[in-house]
Amino acid sequence: MKLAAGGKTDQGRVRDKNEDRICVDEKLGLLIVADGIGGRSRGEVASELAVRAVRQFLRKDPQALCDYDPSYCAATNRLNAAVMQANRTVYEAALSTPELSGMGTTIAAALLARDQLSFAHVGDSRIYLIRSGSIEQLTSDHSFVQEQLGRERITKEEASQSLFKNVLTRALGVDEEVAADLGELTVLADDILLLCSDGLYNMLSDEEMLEIILRAGNVRAASEILTDIANDNGGGDNISAVVGHIRKKKWYRP
């Protein structure tokens, strides 16, 4: 299987800077979205450090630096080790530089190796799988609202309107250690991946994102149209969209 991918990140219409960072590396089979947190604590530094650390770790291909989990394949363990390295990088930078104190970031990362997809995430940036015309969210947000949803204390409609929907329960670089949620699956030809920050999915429903991607015609157009429409809908936050197409020959069309 081959990966064709494109991505776009945008400041949005409200924020005074863009704290999101993305990575699109078709050669490595690596896609990343990171959404910096901390405001004055320079969230954009955290997201940049995290993306760079994961990419460099996987390029160097060292032995895993964290405990090997035999319930996952080697590639998923490598990706987890890369995310743990990113956590240490951000955490140590915040400790050593007073003006960076308190910074952190979300991260959603996907790694394709042959026909196996490994993914890892911390925070509320998301990974979606589009297959046979349907969209499925592969990740579960590390947020206060998601915890409330999981306990059935609020409805999906209440969650979408909650004043606490941006309150994270887990982030990269805030603590010395963090646990990433991991997953893996066998991909099929014409599967499509969407990695995005909350600035996208808070402006568009899953069904709207699905329709836009399937009509776009190619990965670059898909990421650009998603971002543009999120801005048209208000652009209330930084917006990032990375779209990857698992292909043998051509882009999937509905």
C-alpha atoms as a PDB file:
ATOM      1  CA  MET A   1       0.000   0.000   0.000  1.00  0.00           C
ATOM      2  CA  LYS A   2       1.110   3.562  -0.701  1.00  0.00           C
ATOM      3  CA  LEU A   3       0.207   6.754   1.127  1.00  0.00           C
ATOM      4  CA  ALA A   4      -0.753   9.962  -0.625  1.00  0.00           C
ATOM      5  CA  ALA A   5      -1.283  12.780   1.849  1.00  0.00           C
ATOM      6  CA  GLY A   6      -1.867  16.491   2.115  1.00  0.00           C
ATOM      7  CA  GLY A   7      -2.452  18.888   4.966  1.00  0.00           C
ATOM      8  CA  LYS A   8      -3.246  22.460   5.860  1.00  0.00           C
ATOM      9  CA  THR A   9      -3.136  24.432   9.099  1.00  0.00           C
ATOM     10  CA  ASP A  10      -4.695  27.853   9.537  1.00  0.00           C
ATOM     11  CA  GLN A  11      -4.898  30.474  12.277  1.00  0.00           C
ATOM     12  CA  GLY A  12      -8.677  30.762  11.993  1.00  0.00           C
ATOM     13  CA  ARG A  13     -10.742  33.919  12.312  1.00  0.00           C
ATOM     14  CA  VAL A  14     -10.512  34.521  16.065  1.00  0.00           C
ATOM     15  CA  ARG A  15      -7.088  33.535  17.442  1.00  0.00           C
ATOM     16  CA  ASP A  16      -4.161  35.957  17.222  1.00  0.00           C
ATOM     17  CA  LYS A  17      -1.666  33.186  16.358  1.00  0.00           C
ATOM     18  CA  ASN A  18      -1.597  29.590  15.179  1.00  0.00           C
ATOM     19  CA  GLU A  19      -0.542  27.074  17.846  1.00  0.00           C
ATOM     20  CA  ASP A  20      -1.290  24.053  15.619  1.00  0.00           C
ATOM     21  CA  ARG A  21       1.443  22.157  13.804  1.00  0.00           C
ATOM     22  CA  ILE A  22       1.161  19.335  11.273  1.00  0.00           C
ATOM     23  CA  CYS A  23       3.446  16.756   9.674  1.00  0.00           C
ATOM     24  CA  VAL A  24       2.889  15.082   6.311  1.00  0.00           C
ATOM     25  CA  ASP A  25       5.699  12.661   5.478  1.00  0.00           C
ATOM     26  CA  GLU A  26       4.643  10.250   2.749  1.00  0.00           C
ATOM     27  CA  LYS A  27       8.059   8.565   2.646  1.00  0.00           C
ATOM     28  CA  LEU A  28       7.891   7.678   6.345  1.00  0.00           C
ATOM     29  CA  GLY A  29       4.166   6.981   6.156  1.00  0.00           C
ATOM     30  CA  LEU A  30       3.740   9.476   9.004  1.00  0.00           C
ATOM     31  CA  LEU A  31       0.904  11.930   9.615  1.00  0.00           C
ATOM     32  CA  ILE A  32       0.642  14.183  12.688  1.00  0.00           C
ATOM     33  CA  VAL A  33      -1.598  16.937  14.026  1.00  0.00           C
ATOM     34  CA  ALA A  34      -0.582  18.722  17.234  1.00  0.00           C
ATOM     35  CA  ASP A  35      -2.576  21.512  18.902  1.00  0.00           C
ATOM     36  CA  GLY A  36      -0.521  23.557  21.356  1.00  0.00           C
ATOM     37  CA  ILE A  37      -1.977  24.634  24.690  1.00  0.00           C
ATOM     38  CA  GLY A  38      -0.845  27.174  27.218  1.00  0.00           C
ATOM     39  CA  GLY A  39      -1.607  30.497  25.533  1.00  0.00           C
ATOM     40  CA  ARG A  40       1.030  32.831  26.919  1.00  0.00           C
ATOM     41  CA  SER A  41       3.111  29.761  27.713  1.00  0.00           C
ATOM     42  CA  ARG A  42       3.807  29.372  24.004  1.00  0.00           C
ATOM     43  CA  GLY A  43       1.677  26.453  22.917  1.00  0.00           C
ATOM     44  CA  GLU A  44       3.067  26.802  19.401  1.00  0.00           C
ATOM     45  CA  VAL A  45       6.523  25.934  20.755  1.00  0.00           C
ATOM     46  CA  ALA A  46       5.155  22.781  22.390  1.00  0.00           C
ATOM     47  CA  SER A  47       3.400  21.593  19.237  1.00  0.00           C
ATOM     48  CA  GLU A  48       6.451  22.308  17.074  1.00  0.00           C
ATOM     49  CA  LEU A  49       8.770  20.464  19.464  1.00  0.00           C
ATOM     50  CA  ALA A  50       6.413  17.489  19.648  1.00  0.00           C
ATOM     51  CA  VAL A  51       5.994  17.099  15.901  1.00  0.00           C
ATOM     52  CA  ARG A  52       9.732  17.439  15.312  1.00  0.00           C
ATOM     53  CA  ALA A  53      10.594  14.940  18.066  1.00  0.00           C
ATOM     54  CA  VAL A  54       8.257  12.245  16.748  1.00  0.00           C
ATOM     55  CA  ARG A  55       9.496  12.642  13.186  1.00  0.00           C
ATOM     56  CA  GLN A  56      13.170  12.601  14.151  1.00  0.00           C
ATOM     57  CA  PHE A  57      12.734   9.568  16.387  1.00  0.00           C
ATOM     58  CA  LEU A  58      11.081   7.555  13.619  1.00  0.00           C
ATOM     59  CA  ARG A  59      13.633   8.664  11.042  1.00  0.00           C
ATOM     60  CA  LYS A  60      16.498   7.439  13.210  1.00  0.00           C
ATOM     61  CA  ASP A  61      14.655   4.176  13.927  1.00  0.00           C
ATOM     62  CA  PRO A  62      16.245   3.429  17.332  1.00  0.00           C
ATOM     63  CA  GLN A  63      15.246   0.693  19.692  1.00  0.00           C
ATOM     64  CA  ALA A  64      12.066   1.479  21.603  1.00  0.00           C
ATOM     65  CA  LEU A  65      12.710   3.716  24.597  1.00  0.00           C
ATOM     66  CA  CYS A  66       9.687   2.594  26.593  1.00  0.00           C
ATOM     67  CA  ASP A  67       8.319  -0.739  27.740  1.00  0.00           C
ATOM     68  CA  TYR A  68       7.413  -3.012  24.839  1.00  0.00           C
ATOM     69  CA  ASP A  69       3.735  -3.972  24.830  1.00  0.00           C
ATOM     70  CA  PRO A  70       3.373  -7.393  23.180  1.00  0.00           C
ATOM     71  CA  SER A  71      -0.319  -6.766  22.521  1.00  0.00           C
ATOM     72  CA  TYR A  72       0.740  -4.317  19.776  1.00  0.00           C
ATOM     73  CA  CYS A  73       2.954  -4.768  16.745  1.00  0.00           C
ATOM     74  CA  ALA A  74       6.508  -3.410  16.509  1.00  0.00           C
ATOM     75  CA  ALA A  75       5.435  -0.345  14.510  1.00  0.00           C
ATOM     76  CA  THR A  76       2.857   0.667  17.113  1.00  0.00           C
ATOM     77  CA  ASN A  77       5.447   0.275  19.864  1.00  0.00           C
ATOM     78  CA  ARG A  78       7.862   2.440  17.866  1.00  0.00           C
ATOM     79  CA  LEU A  79       5.212   5.120  17.434  1.00  0.00           C
ATOM     80  CA  ASN A  80       4.427   5.020  21.139  1.00  0.00           C
ATOM     81  CA  ALA A  81       8.127   5.348  21.951  1.00  0.00           C
ATOM     82  CA  ALA A  82       8.314   8.362  19.628  1.00  0.00           C
ATOM     83  CA  VAL A  83       5.374  10.031  21.374  1.00  0.00           C
ATOM     84  CA  MET A  84       6.951   9.361  24.786  1.00  0.00           C
ATOM     85  CA  GLN A  85      10.159  10.978  23.533  1.00  0.00           C
ATOM     86  CA  ALA A  86       8.110  13.974  22.398  1.00  0.00           C
ATOM     87  CA  ASN A  87       6.566  14.228  25.861  1.00  0.00           C
ATOM     88  CA  ARG A  88      10.004  14.318  27.462  1.00  0.00           C
ATOM     89  CA  THR A  89      11.221  16.913  24.961  1.00  0.00           C
ATOM     90  CA  VAL A  90       8.337  19.292  25.648  1.00  0.00           C
ATOM     91  CA  TYR A  91       8.384  18.724  29.398  1.00  0.00           C
ATOM     92  CA  GLU A  92      12.129  19.360  29.704  1.00  0.00           C
ATOM     93  CA  ALA A  93      11.931  22.483  27.540  1.00  0.00           C
ATOM     94  CA  ALA A  94       9.185  23.876  29.771  1.00  0.00           C
ATOM     95  CA  LEU A  95      11.223  23.101  32.894  1.00  0.00           C
ATOM     96  CA  SER A  96      14.391  24.733  31.609  1.00  0.00           C
ATOM     97  CA  THR A  97      12.862  27.938  30.203  1.00  0.00           C
ATOM     98  CA  PRO A  98      10.654  30.049  32.520  1.00  0.00           C
ATOM     99  CA  GLU A  99       8.659  31.679  29.720  1.00  0.00           C
ATOM    100  CA  LEU A 100       7.683  28.225  28.437  1.00  0.00           C
ATOM    101  CA  SER A 101       6.429  26.993  31.808  1.00  0.00           C
ATOM    102  CA  GLY A 102       2.986  25.430  31.566  1.00  0.00           C
ATOM    103  CA  MET A 103       3.062  24.753  27.848  1.00  0.00           C
ATOM    104  CA  GLY A 104       1.770  21.514  26.386  1.00  0.00           C
ATOM    105  CA  THR A 105       0.140  20.091  23.300  1.00  0.00           C
ATOM    106  CA  THR A 106      -2.250  17.499  22.004  1.00  0.00           C
ATOM    107  CA  ILE A 107      -0.978  15.009  19.468  1.00  0.00           C
ATOM    108  CA  ALA A 108      -2.614  12.644  16.998  1.00  0.00           C
ATOM    109  CA  ALA A 109      -0.176  10.550  14.969  1.00  0.00           C
ATOM    110  CA  ALA A 110      -0.636   7.802  12.390  1.00  0.00           C
ATOM    111  CA  LEU A 111       2.088   5.588  10.933  1.00  0.00           C
ATOM    112  CA  LEU A 112       1.586   3.371   7.887  1.00  0.00           C
ATOM    113  CA  ALA A 113       3.863   0.334   7.446  1.00  0.00           C
ATOM    114  CA  ARG A 114       2.845  -1.801   4.449  1.00  0.00           C
ATOM    115  CA  ASP A 115      -0.808  -2.624   5.090  1.00  0.00           C
ATOM    116  CA  GLN A 116      -0.723  -1.922   8.833  1.00  0.00           C
ATOM    117  CA  LEU A 117      -1.751   1.396  10.353  1.00  0.00           C
ATOM    118  CA  SER A 118      -0.551   2.297  13.843  1.00  0.00           C
ATOM    119  CA  PHE A 119      -1.950   5.326  15.637  1.00  0.00           C
ATOM    120  CA  ALA A 120      -1.421   7.128  18.930  1.00  0.00           C
ATOM    121  CA  HIS A 121      -3.007  10.162  20.514  1.00  0.00           C
ATOM    122  CA  VAL A 122      -2.973  12.338  23.608  1.00  0.00           C
ATOM    123  CA  GLY A 123      -5.554  15.087  24.078  1.00  0.00           C
ATOM    124  CA  ASP A 124      -8.502  15.964  21.856  1.00  0.00           C
ATOM    125  CA  SER A 125      -7.031  16.048  18.366  1.00  0.00           C
ATOM    126  CA  ARG A 126      -8.700  13.256  16.423  1.00  0.00           C
ATOM    127  CA  ILE A 127      -8.101  10.527  13.860  1.00  0.00           C
ATOM    128  CA  TYR A 128     -10.914   9.362  11.578  1.00  0.00           C
ATOM    129  CA  LEU A 129     -11.096   6.453   9.147  1.00  0.00           C
ATOM    130  CA  ILE A 130     -13.199   6.718   6.007  1.00  0.00           C
ATOM    131  CA  ARG A 131     -13.986   3.366   4.425  1.00  0.00           C
ATOM    132  CA  SER A 132     -16.629   2.448   1.845  1.00  0.00           C
ATOM    133  CA  GLY A 133     -18.313   5.814   2.128  1.00  0.00           C
ATOM    134  CA  SER A 134     -18.606   5.825   5.940  1.00  0.00           C
ATOM    135  CA  ILE A 135     -16.631   7.741   8.575  1.00  0.00           C
ATOM    136  CA  GLU A 136     -15.502   6.339  11.939  1.00  0.00           C
ATOM    137  CA  GLN A 137     -13.696   8.159  14.744  1.00  0.00           C
ATOM    138  CA  LEU A 138     -10.731   5.999  15.800  1.00  0.00           C
ATOM    139  CA  THR A 139      -9.741   8.059  18.838  1.00  0.00           C
ATOM    140  CA  SER A 140     -11.569   9.095  21.987  1.00  0.00           C
ATOM    141  CA  ASP A 141     -10.956  12.622  23.281  1.00  0.00           C
ATOM    142  CA  HIS A 142      -9.060  13.053  26.535  1.00  0.00           C
ATOM    143  CA  SER A 143     -11.418  15.744  27.754  1.00  0.00           C
ATOM    144  CA  PHE A 144     -13.780  16.488  30.623  1.00  0.00           C
ATOM    145  CA  VAL A 145     -16.770  16.464  28.282  1.00  0.00           C
ATOM    146  CA  GLN A 146     -15.842  13.077  26.822  1.00  0.00           C
ATOM    147  CA  GLU A 147     -15.612  11.642  30.332  1.00  0.00           C
ATOM    148  CA  GLN A 148     -19.089  12.991  31.057  1.00  0.00           C
ATOM    149  CA  LEU A 149     -20.370  11.469  27.819  1.00  0.00           C
ATOM    150  CA  GLY A 150     -18.794   8.140  28.672  1.00  0.00           C
ATOM    151  CA  ARG A 151     -20.608   8.125  32.001  1.00  0.00           C
ATOM    152  CA  GLU A 152     -23.864   9.110  30.242  1.00  0.00           C
ATOM    153  CA  ARG A 153     -24.174  12.216  32.385  1.00  0.00           C
ATOM    154  CA  ILE A 154     -24.695  14.452  29.351  1.00  0.00           C
ATOM    155  CA  THR A 155     -25.970  13.982  25.798  1.00  0.00           C
ATOM    156  CA  LYS A 156     -23.999  14.574  22.581  1.00  0.00           C
ATOM    157  CA  GLU A 157     -26.003  17.736  22.010  1.00  0.00           C
ATOM    158  CA  GLU A 158     -25.167  18.998  25.509  1.00  0.00           C
ATOM    159  CA  ALA A 159     -21.516  18.111  24.939  1.00  0.00           C
ATOM    160  CA  SER A 160     -21.369  20.182  21.756  1.00  0.00           C
ATOM    161  CA  GLN A 161     -22.666  23.228  23.659  1.00  0.00           C
ATOM    162  CA  SER A 162     -20.697  22.706  26.869  1.00  0.00           C
ATOM    163  CA  LEU A 163     -18.526  25.526  28.186  1.00  0.00           C
ATOM    164  CA  PHE A 164     -16.043  22.855  29.284  1.00  0.00           C
ATOM    165  CA  LYS A 165     -15.545  21.092  25.954  1.00  0.00           C
ATOM    166  CA  ASN A 166     -11.989  22.455  25.651  1.00  0.00           C
ATOM    167  CA  VAL A 167     -10.935  21.253  29.114  1.00  0.00           C
ATOM    168  CA  LEU A 168      -8.406  18.458  28.595  1.00  0.00           C
ATOM    169  CA  THR A 169      -7.791  15.605  31.013  1.00  0.00           C
ATOM    170  CA  ARG A 170      -4.508  14.624  29.340  1.00  0.00           C
ATOM    171  CA  ALA A 171      -1.910  16.524  27.301  1.00  0.00           C
ATOM    172  CA  LEU A 172       1.630  16.024  26.042  1.00  0.00           C
ATOM    173  CA  GLY A 173       4.496  17.728  27.863  1.00  0.00           C
ATOM    174  CA  VAL A 174       2.574  18.875  30.922  1.00  0.00           C
ATOM    175  CA  ASP A 175       3.813  16.073  33.180  1.00  0.00           C
ATOM    176  CA  GLU A 176       7.014  14.048  33.219  1.00  0.00           C
ATOM    177  CA  GLU A 177       5.102  10.973  32.108  1.00  0.00           C
ATOM    178  CA  VAL A 178       1.950  10.548  30.048  1.00  0.00           C
ATOM    179  CA  ALA A 179       0.086   7.593  28.569  1.00  0.00           C
ATOM    180  CA  ALA A 180      -0.897   7.685  24.919  1.00  0.00           C
ATOM    181  CA  ASP A 181      -3.899   5.753  23.686  1.00  0.00           C
ATOM    182  CA  LEU A 182      -2.758   3.322  20.986  1.00  0.00           C
ATOM    183  CA  GLY A 183      -4.462   1.468  18.177  1.00  0.00           C
ATOM    184  CA  GLU A 184      -3.729  -0.440  15.009  1.00  0.00           C
ATOM    185  CA  LEU A 185      -5.611  -1.905  12.085  1.00  0.00           C
ATOM    186  CA  THR A 186      -5.137  -3.477   8.694  1.00  0.00           C
ATOM    187  CA  VAL A 187      -5.841  -0.931   5.982  1.00  0.00           C
ATOM    188  CA  LEU A 188      -7.581  -1.567   2.689  1.00  0.00           C
ATOM    189  CA  ALA A 189      -7.040   0.060  -0.665  1.00  0.00           C
ATOM    190  CA  ASP A 190      -8.977   3.360  -0.851  1.00  0.00           C
ATOM    191  CA  ASP A 191      -9.175   3.851   2.906  1.00  0.00           C
ATOM    192  CA  ILE A 192      -8.887   7.550   3.777  1.00  0.00           C
ATOM    193  CA  LEU A 193      -7.511   8.989   7.007  1.00  0.00           C
ATOM    194  CA  LEU A 194      -8.385  12.358   8.498  1.00  0.00           C
ATOM    195  CA  LEU A 195      -6.322  13.801  11.339  1.00  0.00           C
ATOM    196  CA  CYS A 196      -7.588  17.103  12.710  1.00  0.00           C
ATOM    197  CA  SER A 197      -7.584  19.549  15.596  1.00  0.00           C
ATOM    198  CA  ASP A 198     -10.726  20.616  17.444  1.00  0.00           C
ATOM    199  CA  GLY A 199     -10.811  23.786  15.372  1.00  0.00           C
ATOM    200  CA  LEU A 200     -12.022  21.637  12.489  1.00  0.00           C
ATOM    201  CA  TYR A 201     -14.460  19.206  14.050  1.00  0.00           C
ATOM    202  CA  ASN A 202     -16.082  21.892  16.208  1.00  0.00           C
ATOM    203  CA  MET A 203     -16.967  23.754  13.005  1.00  0.00           C
ATOM    204  CA  LEU A 204     -18.088  20.752  10.929  1.00  0.00           C
ATOM    205  CA  SER A 205     -20.065  17.607  11.693  1.00  0.00           C
ATOM    206  CA  ASP A 206     -18.596  14.193  10.906  1.00  0.00           C
ATOM    207  CA  GLU A 207     -21.065  13.841   8.034  1.00  0.00           C
ATOM    208  CA  GLU A 208     -20.044  17.204   6.582  1.00  0.00           C
ATOM    209  CA  MET A 209     -16.353  16.291   6.773  1.00  0.00           C
ATOM    210  CA  LEU A 210     -17.079  12.979   5.058  1.00  0.00           C
ATOM    211  CA  GLU A 211     -18.981  14.614   2.202  1.00  0.00           C
ATOM    212  CA  ILE A 212     -16.298  17.257   1.657  1.00  0.00           C
ATOM    213  CA  ILE A 213     -13.501  14.691   1.529  1.00  0.00           C
ATOM    214  CA  LEU A 214     -15.274  12.325  -0.831  1.00  0.00           C
ATOM    215  CA  ARG A 215     -16.116  15.159  -3.212  1.00  0.00           C
ATOM    216  CA  ALA A 216     -12.710  16.837  -3.108  1.00  0.00           C
ATOM    217  CA  GLY A 217     -10.967  14.612  -5.629  1.00  0.00           C
ATOM    218  CA  ASN A 218      -7.488  14.599  -4.044  1.00  0.00           C
ATOM    219  CA  VAL A 219      -5.859  14.848  -0.635  1.00  0.00           C
ATOM    220  CA  ARG A 220      -4.514  18.382  -1.017  1.00  0.00           C
ATOM    221  CA  ALA A 221      -7.862  19.764  -2.131  1.00  0.00           C
ATOM    222  CA  ALA A 222      -9.625  17.891   0.673  1.00  0.00           C
ATOM    223  CA  SER A 223      -7.462  19.425   3.416  1.00  0.00           C
ATOM    224  CA  GLU A 224      -7.749  22.910   1.923  1.00  0.00           C
ATOM    225  CA  ILE A 225     -11.524  22.782   1.443  1.00  0.00           C
ATOM    226  CA  LEU A 226     -12.067  21.439   4.968  1.00  0.00           C
ATOM    227  CA  THR A 227     -10.025  24.297   6.421  1.00  0.00           C
ATOM    228  CA  ASP A 228     -11.688  26.936   4.260  1.00  0.00           C
ATOM    229  CA  ILE A 229     -15.200  25.797   5.173  1.00  0.00           C
ATOM    230  CA  ALA A 230     -14.336  25.657   8.885  1.00  0.00           C
ATOM    231  CA  ASN A 231     -13.250  29.283   8.529  1.00  0.00           C
ATOM    232  CA  ASP A 232     -16.470  30.127   6.684  1.00  0.00           C
ATOM    233  CA  ASN A 233     -18.398  28.586   9.590  1.00  0.00           C
ATOM    234  CA  GLY A 234     -16.731  30.921  12.084  1.00  0.00           C
ATOM    235  CA  GLY A 235     -13.108  29.833  12.394  1.00  0.00           C
ATOM    236  CA  GLY A 236     -13.347  29.987  16.171  1.00  0.00           C
ATOM    237  CA  ASP A 237      -9.975  28.307  16.757  1.00  0.00           C
ATOM    238  CA  ASN A 238      -6.825  27.281  14.936  1.00  0.00           C
ATOM    239  CA  ILE A 239      -7.751  24.754  12.253  1.00  0.00           C
ATOM    240  CA  SER A 240      -5.703  21.783  11.055  1.00  0.00           C
ATOM    241  CA  ALA A 241      -6.638  19.007   8.641  1.00  0.00           C
ATOM    242  CA  VAL A 242      -4.386  16.239   7.329  1.00  0.00           C
ATOM    243  CA  VAL A 243      -5.880  13.821   4.819  1.00  0.00           C
ATOM    244  CA  GLY A 244      -4.198  10.561   3.803  1.00  0.00           C
ATOM    245  CA  HIS A 245      -5.295   8.183   1.058  1.00  0.00           C
ATOM    246  CA  ILE A 246      -4.253   4.526   1.179  1.00  0.00           C
ATOM    247  CA  ARG A 247      -3.951   3.597  -2.452  1.00  0.00           C
ATOM    248  CA  LYS A 248      -2.749   1.169  -5.024  1.00  0.00           C
ATOM    249  CA  LYS A 249      -3.409   3.383  -8.009  1.00  0.00           C
ATOM    250  CA  LYS A 250      -5.846   6.255  -7.584  1.00  0.00           C
ATOM    251  CA  TRP A 251      -7.940   8.420  -5.271  1.00  0.00           C
ATOM    252  CA  TYR A 252     -11.113   6.910  -3.941  1.00  0.00           C
ATOM    253  CA  ARG A 253     -14.274   8.398  -5.429  1.00  0.00           C
ATOM    254  CA  PRO A 254     -17.820   7.813  -4.108  1.00  0.00           C
END
